[in-house]
Amino acid sequence: MSIRVSKSQFKAKALEYFRLVESSGEAVVVTDRGEPSLEVRPYASHARAPLDVLRGTVLRYDDPTAPVAEDDWEAQA
């Protein structure tokens, strides 16, 4: 569950809310006239390991040393 505060409350105590988000990991939703305007939440890196990026991109060949006929190639124009 996230904490909801108005823009004026957030402006007055922004540093306090930043520290709360850092320590608890809970998001703070800033409202403008009662409607959600923005969300402050902890940063989460989406960086992936280089090999994870390639996972699932390699094709499997049952017989990679089998001869390939000239008609087996597909030409793209």
N, C-alpha and C. Protein backbone atom coordinates (compact mmCIF):
# COMPACT_ATOMS: atom_id res chain seq x y z
N MET A 1 0.85 -1.17 0.00
CA MET A 1 0.00 0.00 0.00
C MET A 1 0.89 1.23 0.00
N SER A 2 0.56 2.22 -0.79
CA SER A 2 1.37 3.42 -0.89
C SER A 2 0.79 4.53 -0.02
N ILE A 3 1.64 5.47 0.34
CA ILE A 3 1.25 6.62 1.13
C ILE A 3 0.79 7.71 0.17
N ARG A 4 -0.30 8.40 0.49
CA ARG A 4 -0.81 9.48 -0.35
C ARG A 4 -0.64 10.79 0.39
N VAL A 5 -0.04 11.78 -0.28
CA VAL A 5 0.13 13.11 0.29
C VAL A 5 -0.19 14.15 -0.77
N SER A 6 -0.63 15.32 -0.31
CA SER A 6 -0.91 16.40 -1.26
C SER A 6 0.39 17.06 -1.70
N LYS A 7 0.33 17.82 -2.78
CA LYS A 7 1.52 18.52 -3.27
C LYS A 7 2.10 19.45 -2.21
N SER A 8 1.22 20.16 -1.50
CA SER A 8 1.70 21.10 -0.49
C SER A 8 2.38 20.38 0.66
N GLN A 9 1.86 19.23 1.09
CA GLN A 9 2.50 18.45 2.14
C GLN A 9 3.84 17.93 1.66
N PHE A 10 3.87 17.44 0.42
CA PHE A 10 5.10 16.90 -0.13
C PHE A 10 6.17 17.98 -0.24
N LYS A 11 5.77 19.16 -0.69
CA LYS A 11 6.72 20.26 -0.84
C LYS A 11 7.35 20.63 0.50
N ALA A 12 6.56 20.65 1.54
CA ALA A 12 7.05 21.04 2.86
C ALA A 12 7.97 19.99 3.47
N LYS A 13 7.74 18.72 3.14
CA LYS A 13 8.50 17.64 3.79
C LYS A 13 9.10 16.67 2.77
N ALA A 14 9.53 17.16 1.64
CA ALA A 14 10.04 16.29 0.57
C ALA A 14 11.17 15.39 1.04
N LEU A 15 12.15 15.95 1.73
CA LEU A 15 13.30 15.16 2.17
C LEU A 15 12.86 14.05 3.13
N GLU A 16 11.90 14.35 3.97
CA GLU A 16 11.37 13.34 4.90
C GLU A 16 10.72 12.20 4.13
N TYR A 17 9.95 12.53 3.08
CA TYR A 17 9.31 11.49 2.28
C TYR A 17 10.34 10.70 1.48
N PHE A 18 11.39 11.35 0.98
CA PHE A 18 12.45 10.63 0.27
C PHE A 18 13.09 9.60 1.19
N ARG A 19 13.37 10.00 2.41
CA ARG A 19 13.99 9.08 3.38
C ARG A 19 13.04 7.94 3.72
N LEU A 20 11.76 8.22 3.81
CA LEU A 20 10.76 7.19 4.09
C LEU A 20 10.73 6.16 2.96
N VAL A 21 10.76 6.64 1.73
CA VAL A 21 10.75 5.74 0.57
C VAL A 21 12.01 4.88 0.57
N GLU A 22 13.16 5.48 0.86
CA GLU A 22 14.42 4.74 0.89
C GLU A 22 14.44 3.68 1.98
N SER A 23 13.93 4.01 3.15
CA SER A 23 14.00 3.08 4.28
C SER A 23 12.94 1.99 4.21
N SER A 24 11.73 2.34 3.82
CA SER A 24 10.65 1.35 3.82
C SER A 24 10.47 0.64 2.49
N GLY A 25 10.89 1.29 1.40
CA GLY A 25 10.67 0.72 0.08
C GLY A 25 9.26 0.92 -0.42
N GLU A 26 8.45 1.64 0.36
CA GLU A 26 7.06 1.89 0.00
C GLU A 26 6.96 3.16 -0.84
N ALA A 27 6.07 3.16 -1.80
CA ALA A 27 5.91 4.31 -2.69
C ALA A 27 5.10 5.41 -2.02
N VAL A 28 5.34 6.64 -2.45
CA VAL A 28 4.56 7.79 -2.01
C VAL A 28 3.87 8.37 -3.24
N VAL A 29 2.54 8.49 -3.17
CA VAL A 29 1.76 9.05 -4.27
C VAL A 29 1.44 10.50 -3.91
N VAL A 30 1.85 11.41 -4.79
CA VAL A 30 1.59 12.82 -4.58
C VAL A 30 0.33 13.18 -5.35
N THR A 31 -0.60 13.83 -4.66
CA THR A 31 -1.89 14.16 -5.27
C THR A 31 -2.02 15.65 -5.54
N ASP A 32 -2.81 15.97 -6.54
CA ASP A 32 -3.14 17.35 -6.88
C ASP A 32 -4.66 17.45 -6.87
N ARG A 33 -5.19 18.15 -5.90
CA ARG A 33 -6.64 18.27 -5.71
C ARG A 33 -7.31 16.90 -5.56
N GLY A 34 -6.64 16.02 -4.84
CA GLY A 34 -7.18 14.70 -4.55
C GLY A 34 -6.93 13.65 -5.60
N GLU A 35 -6.44 14.04 -6.77
CA GLU A 35 -6.15 13.09 -7.86
C GLU A 35 -4.66 12.77 -7.88
N PRO A 36 -4.28 11.51 -8.05
CA PRO A 36 -2.85 11.17 -8.11
C PRO A 36 -2.16 11.91 -9.25
N SER A 37 -1.02 12.50 -8.94
CA SER A 37 -0.28 13.29 -9.91
C SER A 37 1.04 12.63 -10.27
N LEU A 38 1.74 12.13 -9.25
CA LEU A 38 3.00 11.44 -9.50
C LEU A 38 3.28 10.47 -8.37
N GLU A 39 4.24 9.58 -8.61
CA GLU A 39 4.59 8.56 -7.64
C GLU A 39 6.09 8.59 -7.42
N VAL A 40 6.50 8.60 -6.16
CA VAL A 40 7.91 8.52 -5.80
C VAL A 40 8.12 7.12 -5.25
N ARG A 41 9.03 6.37 -5.86
CA ARG A 41 9.27 5.00 -5.43
C ARG A 41 10.76 4.70 -5.51
N PRO A 42 11.21 3.64 -4.87
CA PRO A 42 12.63 3.29 -4.92
C PRO A 42 13.04 2.93 -6.35
N TYR A 43 14.28 3.27 -6.68
CA TYR A 43 14.82 2.95 -7.99
C TYR A 43 15.13 1.47 -8.05
N ALA A 44 14.78 0.83 -9.15
CA ALA A 44 15.08 -0.59 -9.38
C ALA A 44 15.78 -0.71 -10.72
N SER A 45 17.00 -1.16 -10.68
CA SER A 45 17.77 -1.31 -11.90
C SER A 45 17.23 -2.47 -12.72
N HIS A 46 17.09 -2.26 -14.01
CA HIS A 46 16.60 -3.31 -14.90
C HIS A 46 17.74 -3.87 -15.75
N ALA A 47 18.96 -3.61 -15.33
CA ALA A 47 20.11 -4.12 -16.07
C ALA A 47 20.14 -5.64 -15.99
N ARG A 48 20.45 -6.25 -17.10
CA ARG A 48 20.53 -7.71 -17.15
C ARG A 48 21.94 -8.12 -17.53
N ALA A 49 22.29 -9.31 -17.12
CA ALA A 49 23.60 -9.86 -17.46
C ALA A 49 23.67 -10.06 -18.97
N PRO A 50 24.83 -9.87 -19.58
CA PRO A 50 24.95 -10.00 -21.04
C PRO A 50 24.45 -11.34 -21.58
N LEU A 51 24.70 -12.43 -20.88
CA LEU A 51 24.24 -13.73 -21.38
C LEU A 51 22.73 -13.88 -21.23
N ASP A 52 22.12 -13.22 -20.25
CA ASP A 52 20.66 -13.26 -20.12
C ASP A 52 19.99 -12.57 -21.30
N VAL A 53 20.62 -11.55 -21.85
CA VAL A 53 20.08 -10.85 -23.01
C VAL A 53 20.01 -11.79 -24.21
N LEU A 54 20.97 -12.68 -24.34
CA LEU A 54 21.03 -13.60 -25.47
C LEU A 54 20.21 -14.87 -25.28
N ARG A 55 19.74 -15.10 -24.05
CA ARG A 55 19.01 -16.33 -23.77
C ARG A 55 17.78 -16.45 -24.68
N GLY A 56 17.65 -17.61 -25.33
CA GLY A 56 16.52 -17.87 -26.19
C GLY A 56 16.67 -17.37 -27.62
N THR A 57 17.82 -16.79 -27.97
CA THR A 57 18.00 -16.26 -29.32
C THR A 57 18.77 -17.22 -30.22
N VAL A 58 19.35 -18.25 -29.66
CA VAL A 58 20.14 -19.19 -30.46
C VAL A 58 19.22 -20.31 -30.96
N LEU A 59 19.31 -20.61 -32.25
CA LEU A 59 18.51 -21.68 -32.83
C LEU A 59 19.16 -23.02 -32.58
N ARG A 60 18.37 -24.05 -32.55
CA ARG A 60 18.89 -25.39 -32.32
C ARG A 60 18.93 -26.13 -33.65
N TYR A 61 20.06 -26.70 -33.93
CA TYR A 61 20.22 -27.52 -35.14
C TYR A 61 20.50 -28.94 -34.70
N ASP A 62 19.68 -29.87 -35.18
CA ASP A 62 19.87 -31.27 -34.80
C ASP A 62 21.11 -31.86 -35.44
N ASP A 63 21.42 -31.46 -36.66
CA ASP A 63 22.59 -32.00 -37.36
C ASP A 63 23.32 -30.84 -38.04
N PRO A 64 24.12 -30.09 -37.31
CA PRO A 64 24.75 -28.90 -37.88
C PRO A 64 25.80 -29.19 -38.94
N THR A 65 26.26 -30.42 -39.03
CA THR A 65 27.29 -30.74 -40.03
C THR A 65 26.69 -31.35 -41.29
N ALA A 66 25.37 -31.48 -41.37
CA ALA A 66 24.73 -32.06 -42.56
C ALA A 66 24.90 -31.10 -43.74
N PRO A 67 25.08 -31.63 -44.93
CA PRO A 67 25.23 -30.77 -46.10
C PRO A 67 23.94 -29.98 -46.38
N VAL A 68 24.11 -28.79 -46.92
CA VAL A 68 22.99 -27.92 -47.22
C VAL A 68 22.93 -27.75 -48.74
N ALA A 69 21.76 -28.00 -49.31
CA ALA A 69 21.59 -27.85 -50.75
C ALA A 69 21.40 -26.38 -51.09
N GLU A 70 21.65 -26.03 -52.32
CA GLU A 70 21.53 -24.64 -52.76
C GLU A 70 20.09 -24.14 -52.64
N ASP A 71 19.11 -25.04 -52.80
CA ASP A 71 17.70 -24.66 -52.70
C ASP A 71 17.24 -24.46 -51.26
N ASP A 72 18.05 -24.86 -50.28
CA ASP A 72 17.68 -24.71 -48.87
C ASP A 72 17.87 -23.29 -48.35
N TRP A 73 18.60 -22.46 -49.07
CA TRP A 73 18.85 -21.08 -48.64
C TRP A 73 17.71 -20.18 -49.08
N GLU A 74 17.37 -19.24 -48.24
CA GLU A 74 16.34 -18.26 -48.58
C GLU A 74 17.00 -16.92 -48.84
N ALA A 75 16.75 -16.38 -50.01
CA ALA A 75 17.32 -15.08 -50.35
C ALA A 75 16.28 -14.00 -50.08
N GLN A 76 16.72 -12.91 -49.48
CA GLN A 76 15.82 -11.79 -49.22
C GLN A 76 16.20 -10.66 -50.13
N ALA A 77 15.20 -10.05 -50.74
CA ALA A 77 15.48 -8.95 -51.66
C ALA A 77 15.36 -7.63 -50.96
